[in-house]
Amino acid sequence: MDESTFDHEAHEEMIALEDAFAEVDPDQIEVEVSDGVLRLDLRDGTKIVINSHRAARQIWMAAVSTAWHFDPTGGKWVASKTGEELRPTLARIVRERIGLAITL
């Protein structure tokens, strides 16, 4: 995948993730976007950081002492080491940490 295509697809995914949390009560999840980095601060103190990494052509996520590197695969973002998908993984973390079911 060339740089331009990656930038477009990663940007679209980051916007979709940000939009998914737009209606969530900020007392549950505080959402901050700065310089292409999406930060979610959950009410229990959990911090989730998501950003695109152009050089690696991946979206990276860090949460709960774990890091994932998601590759664009067939319209989804899939972790190269575990096979986990970005959206279900993020939704699972939010559900497990604060009991909030979110559709991504």
PDB file of N, CA and C in Angstrom:
ATOM      1  N   MET A   1       0.854  -1.169   0.000  1.00  0.00           N
ATOM      2  CA  MET A   1       0.000   0.000   0.000  1.00  0.00           C
ATOM      3  C   MET A   1       0.905   1.238   0.000  1.00  0.00           C
ATOM      4  N   ASP A   2       0.603   2.161  -0.895  1.00  0.00           N
ATOM      5  CA  ASP A   2       1.427   3.372  -0.953  1.00  0.00           C
ATOM      6  C   ASP A   2       1.055   4.316   0.190  1.00  0.00           C
ATOM      7  N   GLU A   3       1.912   5.301   0.402  1.00  0.00           N
ATOM      8  CA  GLU A   3       1.754   6.218   1.524  1.00  0.00           C
ATOM      9  C   GLU A   3       0.436   6.995   1.473  1.00  0.00           C
ATOM     10  N   SER A   4       0.071   7.464   0.306  1.00  0.00           N
ATOM     11  CA  SER A   4      -1.152   8.239   0.154  1.00  0.00           C
ATOM     12  C   SER A   4      -2.387   7.404   0.491  1.00  0.00           C
ATOM     13  N   THR A   5      -2.426   6.179  -0.001  1.00  0.00           N
ATOM     14  CA  THR A   5      -3.561   5.289   0.291  1.00  0.00           C
ATOM     15  C   THR A   5      -3.622   4.986   1.778  1.00  0.00           C
ATOM     16  N   PHE A   6      -2.459   4.690   2.376  1.00  0.00           N
ATOM     17  CA  PHE A   6      -2.437   4.429   3.814  1.00  0.00           C
ATOM     18  C   PHE A   6      -2.951   5.633   4.589  1.00  0.00           C
ATOM     19  N   ASP A   7      -2.425   6.821   4.259  1.00  0.00           N
ATOM     20  CA  ASP A   7      -2.846   8.025   4.968  1.00  0.00           C
ATOM     21  C   ASP A   7      -4.355   8.206   4.907  1.00  0.00           C
ATOM     22  N   HIS A   8      -4.931   7.993   3.741  1.00  0.00           N
ATOM     23  CA  HIS A   8      -6.377   8.143   3.581  1.00  0.00           C
ATOM     24  C   HIS A   8      -7.132   7.118   4.429  1.00  0.00           C
ATOM     25  N   GLU A   9      -6.749   5.843   4.319  1.00  0.00           N
ATOM     26  CA  GLU A   9      -7.464   4.791   5.043  1.00  0.00           C
ATOM     27  C   GLU A   9      -7.300   4.936   6.557  1.00  0.00           C
ATOM     28  N   ALA A  10      -6.101   5.276   6.999  1.00  0.00           N
ATOM     29  CA  ALA A  10      -5.877   5.453   8.435  1.00  0.00           C
ATOM     30  C   ALA A  10      -6.657   6.650   8.960  1.00  0.00           C
ATOM     31  N   HIS A  11      -6.663   7.741   8.191  1.00  0.00           N
ATOM     32  CA  HIS A  11      -7.408   8.933   8.600  1.00  0.00           C
ATOM     33  C   HIS A  11      -8.901   8.620   8.718  1.00  0.00           C
ATOM     34  N   GLU A  12      -9.440   7.896   7.746  1.00  0.00           N
ATOM     35  CA  GLU A  12     -10.863   7.525   7.786  1.00  0.00           C
ATOM     36  C   GLU A  12     -11.172   6.663   9.009  1.00  0.00           C
ATOM     37  N   GLU A  13     -10.280   5.731   9.332  1.00  0.00           N
ATOM     38  CA  GLU A  13     -10.497   4.874  10.504  1.00  0.00           C
ATOM     39  C   GLU A  13     -10.438   5.689  11.794  1.00  0.00           C
ATOM     40  N   MET A  14      -9.492   6.581  11.892  1.00  0.00           N
ATOM     41  CA  MET A  14      -9.363   7.405  13.092  1.00  0.00           C
ATOM     42  C   MET A  14     -10.596   8.301  13.278  1.00  0.00           C
ATOM     43  N   ILE A  15     -11.107   8.863  12.190  1.00  0.00           N
ATOM     44  CA  ILE A  15     -12.320   9.681  12.255  1.00  0.00           C
ATOM     45  C   ILE A  15     -13.507   8.830  12.690  1.00  0.00           C
ATOM     46  N   ALA A  16     -13.624   7.619  12.147  1.00  0.00           N
ATOM     47  CA  ALA A  16     -14.727   6.724  12.519  1.00  0.00           C
ATOM     48  C   ALA A  16     -14.674   6.383  14.005  1.00  0.00           C
ATOM     49  N   LEU A  17     -13.483   6.139  14.526  1.00  0.00           N
ATOM     50  CA  LEU A  17     -13.349   5.830  15.948  1.00  0.00           C
ATOM     51  C   LEU A  17     -13.722   7.039  16.801  1.00  0.00           C
ATOM     52  N   GLU A  18     -13.221   8.193  16.420  1.00  0.00           N
ATOM     53  CA  GLU A  18     -13.563   9.420  17.154  1.00  0.00           C
ATOM     54  C   GLU A  18     -15.071   9.648  17.145  1.00  0.00           C
ATOM     55  N   ASP A  19     -15.693   9.499  15.985  1.00  0.00           N
ATOM     56  CA  ASP A  19     -17.135   9.702  15.861  1.00  0.00           C
ATOM     57  C   ASP A  19     -17.930   8.723  16.724  1.00  0.00           C
ATOM     58  N   ALA A  20     -17.432   7.493  16.860  1.00  0.00           N
ATOM     59  CA  ALA A  20     -18.139   6.479  17.641  1.00  0.00           C
ATOM     60  C   ALA A  20     -18.241   6.874  19.112  1.00  0.00           C
ATOM     61  N   PHE A  21     -17.297   7.673  19.577  1.00  0.00           N
ATOM     62  CA  PHE A  21     -17.305   8.082  20.980  1.00  0.00           C
ATOM     63  C   PHE A  21     -17.901   9.473  21.191  1.00  0.00           C
ATOM     64  N   ALA A  22     -18.360  10.114  20.125  1.00  0.00           N
ATOM     65  CA  ALA A  22     -18.853  11.489  20.200  1.00  0.00           C
ATOM     66  C   ALA A  22     -20.057  11.650  21.128  1.00  0.00           C
ATOM     67  N   GLU A  23     -20.923  10.673  21.183  1.00  0.00           N
ATOM     68  CA  GLU A  23     -22.137  10.769  21.988  1.00  0.00           C
ATOM     69  C   GLU A  23     -21.997  10.142  23.373  1.00  0.00           C
ATOM     70  N   VAL A  24     -20.830   9.634  23.690  1.00  0.00           N
ATOM     71  CA  VAL A  24     -20.616   9.006  24.995  1.00  0.00           C
ATOM     72  C   VAL A  24     -20.446  10.096  26.054  1.00  0.00           C
ATOM     73  N   ASP A  25     -21.085   9.908  27.175  1.00  0.00           N
ATOM     74  CA  ASP A  25     -21.002  10.847  28.292  1.00  0.00           C
ATOM     75  C   ASP A  25     -19.524  11.040  28.682  1.00  0.00           C
ATOM     76  N   PRO A  26     -19.042  12.274  28.708  1.00  0.00           N
ATOM     77  CA  PRO A  26     -17.639  12.500  29.050  1.00  0.00           C
ATOM     78  C   PRO A  26     -17.286  12.080  30.479  1.00  0.00           C
ATOM     79  N   ASP A  27     -18.292  11.874  31.333  1.00  0.00           N
ATOM     80  CA  ASP A  27     -18.016  11.321  32.659  1.00  0.00           C
ATOM     81  C   ASP A  27     -17.662   9.841  32.565  1.00  0.00           C
ATOM     82  N   GLN A  28     -18.059   9.195  31.461  1.00  0.00           N
ATOM     83  CA  GLN A  28     -17.721   7.793  31.213  1.00  0.00           C
ATOM     84  C   GLN A  28     -16.376   7.682  30.494  1.00  0.00           C
ATOM     85  N   ILE A  29     -16.255   8.439  29.393  1.00  0.00           N
ATOM     86  CA  ILE A  29     -15.035   8.419  28.577  1.00  0.00           C
ATOM     87  C   ILE A  29     -14.761   9.831  28.094  1.00  0.00           C
ATOM     88  N   GLU A  30     -13.625  10.339  28.468  1.00  0.00           N
ATOM     89  CA  GLU A  30     -13.196  11.644  27.967  1.00  0.00           C
ATOM     90  C   GLU A  30     -12.384  11.401  26.697  1.00  0.00           C
ATOM     91  N   VAL A  31     -12.759  12.077  25.628  1.00  0.00           N
ATOM     92  CA  VAL A  31     -12.129  11.893  24.322  1.00  0.00           C
ATOM     93  C   VAL A  31     -11.315  13.133  23.991  1.00  0.00           C
ATOM     94  N   GLU A  32     -10.071  12.891  23.585  1.00  0.00           N
ATOM     95  CA  GLU A  32      -9.201  13.993  23.182  1.00  0.00           C
ATOM     96  C   GLU A  32      -8.474  13.598  21.903  1.00  0.00           C
ATOM     97  N   VAL A  33      -8.452  14.508  20.951  1.00  0.00           N
ATOM     98  CA  VAL A  33      -7.723  14.290  19.710  1.00  0.00           C
ATOM     99  C   VAL A  33      -6.727  15.430  19.554  1.00  0.00           C
ATOM    100  N   SER A  34      -5.474  15.067  19.316  1.00  0.00           N
ATOM    101  CA  SER A  34      -4.431  16.066  19.137  1.00  0.00           C
ATOM    102  C   SER A  34      -3.361  15.500  18.221  1.00  0.00           C
ATOM    103  N   ASP A  35      -3.062  16.234  17.163  1.00  0.00           N
ATOM    104  CA  ASP A  35      -2.016  15.832  16.209  1.00  0.00           C
ATOM    105  C   ASP A  35      -2.194  14.397  15.707  1.00  0.00           C
ATOM    106  N   GLY A  36      -3.444  14.012  15.436  1.00  0.00           N
ATOM    107  CA  GLY A  36      -3.705  12.692  14.887  1.00  0.00           C
ATOM    108  C   GLY A  36      -3.699  11.565  15.896  1.00  0.00           C
ATOM    109  N   VAL A  37      -3.611  11.907  17.171  1.00  0.00           N
ATOM    110  CA  VAL A  37      -3.624  10.893  18.233  1.00  0.00           C
ATOM    111  C   VAL A  37      -4.968  10.968  18.947  1.00  0.00           C
ATOM    112  N   LEU A  38      -5.631   9.819  19.067  1.00  0.00           N
ATOM    113  CA  LEU A  38      -6.903   9.715  19.771  1.00  0.00           C
ATOM    114  C   LEU A  38      -6.623   9.148  21.158  1.00  0.00           C
ATOM    115  N   ARG A  39      -7.006   9.907  22.163  1.00  0.00           N
ATOM    116  CA  ARG A  39      -6.795   9.454  23.538  1.00  0.00           C
ATOM    117  C   ARG A  39      -8.145   9.335  24.212  1.00  0.00           C
ATOM    118  N   LEU A  40      -8.372   8.184  24.824  1.00  0.00           N
ATOM    119  CA  LEU A  40      -9.607   7.920  25.558  1.00  0.00           C
ATOM    120  C   LEU A  40      -9.246   7.712  27.022  1.00  0.00           C
ATOM    121  N   ASP A  41      -9.818   8.523  27.889  1.00  0.00           N
ATOM    122  CA  ASP A  41      -9.613   8.379  29.334  1.00  0.00           C
ATOM    123  C   ASP A  41     -10.905   7.847  29.932  1.00  0.00           C
ATOM    124  N   LEU A  42     -10.875   6.580  30.345  1.00  0.00           N
ATOM    125  CA  LEU A  42     -12.060   5.934  30.891  1.00  0.00           C
ATOM    126  C   LEU A  42     -12.244   6.320  32.351  1.00  0.00           C
ATOM    127  N   ARG A  43     -13.476   6.253  32.825  1.00  0.00           N
ATOM    128  CA  ARG A  43     -13.793   6.710  34.179  1.00  0.00           C
ATOM    129  C   ARG A  43     -13.034   5.953  35.267  1.00  0.00           C
ATOM    130  N   ASP A  44     -12.563   4.737  34.963  1.00  0.00           N
ATOM    131  CA  ASP A  44     -11.813   3.965  35.957  1.00  0.00           C
ATOM    132  C   ASP A  44     -10.320   4.302  35.963  1.00  0.00           C
ATOM    133  N   GLY A  45      -9.921   5.273  35.132  1.00  0.00           N
ATOM    134  CA  GLY A  45      -8.514   5.660  35.074  1.00  0.00           C
ATOM    135  C   GLY A  45      -7.740   5.034  33.932  1.00  0.00           C
ATOM    136  N   THR A  46      -8.356   4.082  33.228  1.00  0.00           N
ATOM    137  CA  THR A  46      -7.701   3.452  32.079  1.00  0.00           C
ATOM    138  C   THR A  46      -7.501   4.490  30.979  1.00  0.00           C
ATOM    139  N   LYS A  47      -6.323   4.457  30.393  1.00  0.00           N
ATOM    140  CA  LYS A  47      -6.011   5.344  29.271  1.00  0.00           C
ATOM    141  C   LYS A  47      -5.773   4.485  28.036  1.00  0.00           C
ATOM    142  N   ILE A  48      -6.403   4.877  26.939  1.00  0.00           N
ATOM    143  CA  ILE A  48      -6.238   4.189  25.660  1.00  0.00           C
ATOM    144  C   ILE A  48      -5.730   5.224  24.664  1.00  0.00           C
ATOM    145  N   VAL A  49      -4.635   4.910  23.998  1.00  0.00           N
ATOM    146  CA  VAL A  49      -4.044   5.825  23.024  1.00  0.00           C
ATOM    147  C   VAL A  49      -3.990   5.115  21.674  1.00  0.00           C
ATOM    148  N   ILE A  50      -4.523   5.781  20.643  1.00  0.00           N
ATOM    149  CA  ILE A  50      -4.573   5.209  19.295  1.00  0.00           C
ATOM    150  C   ILE A  50      -4.010   6.238  18.322  1.00  0.00           C
ATOM    151  N   ASN A  51      -3.106   5.785  17.467  1.00  0.00           N
ATOM    152  CA  ASN A  51      -2.564   6.688  16.444  1.00  0.00           C
ATOM    153  C   ASN A  51      -2.133   5.895  15.218  1.00  0.00           C
ATOM    154  N   SER A  52      -2.070   6.594  14.095  1.00  0.00           N
ATOM    155  CA  SER A  52      -1.569   5.942  12.883  1.00  0.00           C
ATOM    156  C   SER A  52      -0.065   6.139  12.815  1.00  0.00           C
ATOM    157  N   HIS A  53       0.605   5.148  12.297  1.00  0.00           N
ATOM    158  CA  HIS A  53       2.066   5.182  12.175  1.00  0.00           C
ATOM    159  C   HIS A  53       2.411   4.969  10.707  1.00  0.00           C
ATOM    160  N   ARG A  54       2.664   6.072  10.014  1.00  0.00           N
ATOM    161  CA  ARG A  54       2.875   6.051   8.568  1.00  0.00           C
ATOM    162  C   ARG A  54       4.051   5.155   8.166  1.00  0.00           C
ATOM    163  N   ALA A  55       5.180   5.258   8.848  1.00  0.00           N
ATOM    164  CA  ALA A  55       6.369   4.498   8.455  1.00  0.00           C
ATOM    165  C   ALA A  55       6.116   2.992   8.485  1.00  0.00           C
ATOM    166  N   ALA A  56       5.357   2.541   9.476  1.00  0.00           N
ATOM    167  CA  ALA A  56       5.053   1.109   9.598  1.00  0.00           C
ATOM    168  C   ALA A  56       3.793   0.725   8.831  1.00  0.00           C
ATOM    169  N   ARG A  57       3.033   1.732   8.357  1.00  0.00           N
ATOM    170  CA  ARG A  57       1.746   1.508   7.685  1.00  0.00           C
ATOM    171  C   ARG A  57       0.801   0.720   8.592  1.00  0.00           C
ATOM    172  N   GLN A  58       0.698   1.191   9.850  1.00  0.00           N
ATOM    173  CA  GLN A  58      -0.134   0.534  10.843  1.00  0.00           C
ATOM    174  C   GLN A  58      -0.861   1.577  11.686  1.00  0.00           C
ATOM    175  N   ILE A  59      -1.908   1.123  12.365  1.00  0.00           N
ATOM    176  CA  ILE A  59      -2.511   1.893  13.449  1.00  0.00           C
ATOM    177  C   ILE A  59      -2.083   1.216  14.732  1.00  0.00           C
ATOM    178  N   TRP A  60      -1.571   2.011  15.644  1.00  0.00           N
ATOM    179  CA  TRP A  60      -1.094   1.489  16.917  1.00  0.00           C
ATOM    180  C   TRP A  60      -2.063   1.849  18.022  1.00  0.00           C
ATOM    181  N   MET A  61      -2.263   0.910  18.954  1.00  0.00           N
ATOM    182  CA  MET A  61      -3.103   1.163  20.115  1.00  0.00           C
ATOM    183  C   MET A  61      -2.381   0.658  21.349  1.00  0.00           C
ATOM    184  N   ALA A  62      -2.430   1.451  22.404  1.00  0.00           N
ATOM    185  CA  ALA A  62      -1.870   1.050  23.692  1.00  0.00           C
ATOM    186  C   ALA A  62      -2.944   1.214  24.755  1.00  0.00           C
ATOM    187  N   ALA A  63      -3.078   0.178  25.585  1.00  0.00           N
ATOM    188  CA  ALA A  63      -4.052   0.201  26.675  1.00  0.00           C
ATOM    189  C   ALA A  63      -3.740  -0.924  27.643  1.00  0.00           C
ATOM    190  N   VAL A  64      -3.916  -0.666  28.913  1.00  0.00           N
ATOM    191  CA  VAL A  64      -3.799  -1.684  29.948  1.00  0.00           C
ATOM    192  C   VAL A  64      -2.492  -2.486  29.804  1.00  0.00           C
ATOM    193  N   SER A  65      -1.390  -1.808  29.711  1.00  0.00           N
ATOM    194  CA  SER A  65      -0.063  -2.429  29.627  1.00  0.00           C
ATOM    195  C   SER A  65       0.127  -3.326  28.401  1.00  0.00           C
ATOM    196  N   THR A  66      -0.641  -3.093  27.353  1.00  0.00           N
ATOM    197  CA  THR A  66      -0.540  -3.885  26.131  1.00  0.00           C
ATOM    198  C   THR A  66      -0.507  -2.935  24.942  1.00  0.00           C
ATOM    199  N   ALA A  67       0.227  -3.348  23.902  1.00  0.00           N
ATOM    200  CA  ALA A  67       0.270  -2.567  22.664  1.00  0.00           C
ATOM    201  C   ALA A  67      -0.093  -3.472  21.501  1.00  0.00           C
ATOM    202  N   TRP A  68      -0.843  -2.928  20.566  1.00  0.00           N
ATOM    203  CA  TRP A  68      -1.229  -3.635  19.352  1.00  0.00           C
ATOM    204  C   TRP A  68      -0.764  -2.830  18.149  1.00  0.00           C
ATOM    205  N   HIS A  69      -0.380  -3.530  17.097  1.00  0.00           N
ATOM    206  CA  HIS A  69      -0.037  -2.900  15.815  1.00  0.00           C
ATOM    207  C   HIS A  69      -0.967  -3.506  14.770  1.00  0.00           C
ATOM    208  N   PHE A  70      -1.892  -2.701  14.282  1.00  0.00           N
ATOM    209  CA  PHE A  70      -2.922  -3.173  13.359  1.00  0.00           C
ATOM    210  C   PHE A  70      -2.561  -2.827  11.922  1.00  0.00           C
ATOM    211  N   ASP A  71      -2.609  -3.833  11.055  1.00  0.00           N
ATOM    212  CA  ASP A  71      -2.345  -3.664   9.630  1.00  0.00           C
ATOM    213  C   ASP A  71      -3.669  -3.565   8.867  1.00  0.00           C
ATOM    214  N   PRO A  72      -3.702  -2.772   7.781  1.00  0.00           N
ATOM    215  CA  PRO A  72      -4.914  -2.735   6.950  1.00  0.00           C
ATOM    216  C   PRO A  72      -5.031  -4.044   6.177  1.00  0.00           C
ATOM    217  N   THR A  73      -6.136  -4.749   6.411  1.00  0.00           N
ATOM    218  CA  THR A  73      -6.334  -6.060   5.796  1.00  0.00           C
ATOM    219  C   THR A  73      -7.792  -6.207   5.388  1.00  0.00           C
ATOM    220  N   GLY A  74      -8.061  -6.190   4.096  1.00  0.00           N
ATOM    221  CA  GLY A  74      -9.417  -6.425   3.609  1.00  0.00           C
ATOM    222  C   GLY A  74     -10.458  -5.489   4.191  1.00  0.00           C
ATOM    223  N   GLY A  75     -10.136  -4.210   4.340  1.00  0.00           N
ATOM    224  CA  GLY A  75     -11.095  -3.253   4.858  1.00  0.00           C
ATOM    225  C   GLY A  75     -11.178  -3.208   6.370  1.00  0.00           C
ATOM    226  N   LYS A  76     -10.353  -3.996   7.057  1.00  0.00           N
ATOM    227  CA  LYS A  76     -10.318  -4.012   8.517  1.00  0.00           C
ATOM    228  C   LYS A  76      -8.881  -3.747   8.949  1.00  0.00           C
ATOM    229  N   TRP A  77      -8.700  -3.479  10.216  1.00  0.00           N
ATOM    230  CA  TRP A  77      -7.381  -3.285  10.796  1.00  0.00           C
ATOM    231  C   TRP A  77      -7.138  -4.466  11.726  1.00  0.00           C
ATOM    232  N   VAL A  78      -6.131  -5.292  11.385  1.00  0.00           N
ATOM    233  CA  VAL A  78      -5.902  -6.563  12.067  1.00  0.00           C
ATOM    234  C   VAL A  78      -4.499  -6.572  12.684  1.00  0.00           C
ATOM    235  N   ALA A  79      -4.413  -6.974  13.958  1.00  0.00           N
ATOM    236  CA  ALA A  79      -3.128  -7.048  14.655  1.00  0.00           C
ATOM    237  C   ALA A  79      -2.283  -8.155  14.049  1.00  0.00           C
ATOM    238  N   SER A  80      -1.080  -7.804  13.662  1.00  0.00           N
ATOM    239  CA  SER A  80      -0.202  -8.751  12.984  1.00  0.00           C
ATOM    240  C   SER A  80       0.163  -9.945  13.870  1.00  0.00           C
ATOM    241  N   LYS A  81       0.327  -9.750  15.154  1.00  0.00           N
ATOM    242  CA  LYS A  81       0.752 -10.847  16.034  1.00  0.00           C
ATOM    243  C   LYS A  81      -0.392 -11.723  16.520  1.00  0.00           C
ATOM    244  N   THR A  82      -1.565 -11.137  16.756  1.00  0.00           N
ATOM    245  CA  THR A  82      -2.640 -11.886  17.406  1.00  0.00           C
ATOM    246  C   THR A  82      -3.836 -12.181  16.515  1.00  0.00           C
ATOM    247  N   GLY A  83      -3.960 -11.455  15.409  1.00  0.00           N
ATOM    248  CA  GLY A  83      -5.118 -11.619  14.543  1.00  0.00           C
ATOM    249  C   GLY A  83      -6.349 -10.873  15.039  1.00  0.00           C
ATOM    250  N   GLU A  84      -6.222 -10.131  16.145  1.00  0.00           N
ATOM    251  CA  GLU A  84      -7.345  -9.355  16.672  1.00  0.00           C
ATOM    252  C   GLU A  84      -7.627  -8.169  15.753  1.00  0.00           C
ATOM    253  N   GLU A  85      -8.889  -7.781  15.667  1.00  0.00           N
ATOM    254  CA  GLU A  85      -9.272  -6.612  14.887  1.00  0.00           C
ATOM    255  C   GLU A  85      -9.364  -5.398  15.814  1.00  0.00           C
ATOM    256  N   LEU A  86      -9.036  -4.234  15.271  1.00  0.00           N
ATOM    257  CA  LEU A  86      -9.017  -3.004  16.052  1.00  0.00           C
ATOM    258  C   LEU A  86     -10.356  -2.712  16.728  1.00  0.00           C
ATOM    259  N   ARG A  87     -11.414  -2.620  15.974  1.00  0.00           N
ATOM    260  CA  ARG A  87     -12.693  -2.193  16.541  1.00  0.00           C
ATOM    261  C   ARG A  87     -13.222  -3.142  17.624  1.00  0.00           C
ATOM    262  N   PRO A  88     -13.277  -4.459  17.369  1.00  0.00           N
ATOM    263  CA  PRO A  88     -13.746  -5.351  18.435  1.00  0.00           C
ATOM    264  C   PRO A  88     -12.829  -5.349  19.662  1.00  0.00           C
ATOM    265  N   THR A  89     -11.539  -5.183  19.437  1.00  0.00           N
ATOM    266  CA  THR A  89     -10.601  -5.149  20.564  1.00  0.00           C
ATOM    267  C   THR A  89     -10.839  -3.916  21.413  1.00  0.00           C
ATOM    268  N   LEU A  90     -11.002  -2.773  20.774  1.00  0.00           N
ATOM    269  CA  LEU A  90     -11.275  -1.538  21.499  1.00  0.00           C
ATOM    270  C   LEU A  90     -12.606  -1.629  22.241  1.00  0.00           C
ATOM    271  N   ALA A  91     -13.633  -2.128  21.590  1.00  0.00           N
ATOM    272  CA  ALA A  91     -14.942  -2.275  22.234  1.00  0.00           C
ATOM    273  C   ALA A  91     -14.853  -3.217  23.434  1.00  0.00           C
ATOM    274  N   ARG A  92     -14.082  -4.292  23.313  1.00  0.00           N
ATOM    275  CA  ARG A  92     -13.917  -5.252  24.418  1.00  0.00           C
ATOM    276  C   ARG A  92     -13.243  -4.591  25.616  1.00  0.00           C
ATOM    277  N   ILE A  93     -12.198  -3.826  25.372  1.00  0.00           N
ATOM    278  CA  ILE A  93     -11.491  -3.163  26.465  1.00  0.00           C
ATOM    279  C   ILE A  93     -12.429  -2.212  27.205  1.00  0.00           C
ATOM    280  N   VAL A  94     -13.179  -1.417  26.460  1.00  0.00           N
ATOM    281  CA  VAL A  94     -14.116  -0.467  27.080  1.00  0.00           C
ATOM    282  C   VAL A  94     -15.155  -1.230  27.905  1.00  0.00           C
ATOM    283  N   ARG A  95     -15.701  -2.311  27.344  1.00  0.00           N
ATOM    284  CA  ARG A  95     -16.717  -3.104  28.052  1.00  0.00           C
ATOM    285  C   ARG A  95     -16.131  -3.732  29.322  1.00  0.00           C
ATOM    286  N   GLU A  96     -14.932  -4.306  29.218  1.00  0.00           N
ATOM    287  CA  GLU A  96     -14.320  -4.964  30.370  1.00  0.00           C
ATOM    288  C   GLU A  96     -13.934  -3.976  31.473  1.00  0.00           C
ATOM    289  N   ARG A  97     -13.486  -2.797  31.093  1.00  0.00           N
ATOM    290  CA  ARG A  97     -12.995  -1.834  32.076  1.00  0.00           C
ATOM    291  C   ARG A  97     -14.108  -1.042  32.757  1.00  0.00           C
ATOM    292  N   ILE A  98     -15.117  -0.610  31.995  1.00  0.00           N
ATOM    293  CA  ILE A  98     -16.154   0.230  32.617  1.00  0.00           C
ATOM    294  C   ILE A  98     -17.578  -0.257  32.361  1.00  0.00           C
ATOM    295  N   GLY A  99     -17.719  -1.419  31.714  1.00  0.00           N
ATOM    296  CA  GLY A  99     -19.043  -1.998  31.513  1.00  0.00           C
ATOM    297  C   GLY A  99     -19.900  -1.302  30.464  1.00  0.00           C
ATOM    298  N   LEU A 100     -19.289  -0.477  29.636  1.00  0.00           N
ATOM    299  CA  LEU A 100     -20.022   0.256  28.613  1.00  0.00           C
ATOM    300  C   LEU A 100     -19.928  -0.490  27.289  1.00  0.00           C
ATOM    301  N   ALA A 101     -21.084  -0.863  26.742  1.00  0.00           N
ATOM    302  CA  ALA A 101     -21.119  -1.510  25.429  1.00  0.00           C
ATOM    303  C   ALA A 101     -21.172  -0.409  24.368  1.00  0.00           C
ATOM    304  N   ILE A 102     -20.230  -0.446  23.464  1.00  0.00           N
ATOM    305  CA  ILE A 102     -20.182   0.556  22.402  1.00  0.00           C
ATOM    306  C   ILE A 102     -20.058  -0.152  21.079  1.00  0.00           C
ATOM    307  N   THR A 103     -20.770   0.346  20.088  1.00  0.00           N
ATOM    308  CA  THR A 103     -20.715  -0.215  18.739  1.00  0.00           C
ATOM    309  C   THR A 103     -19.721   0.575  17.918  1.00  0.00           C
ATOM    310  N   LEU A 104     -18.757  -0.119  17.375  1.00  0.00           N
ATOM    311  CA  LEU A 104     -17.728   0.542  16.562  1.00  0.00           C
ATOM    312  C   LEU A 104     -17.798   0.046  15.134  1.00  0.00           C
TER     313      LEU A 104
END
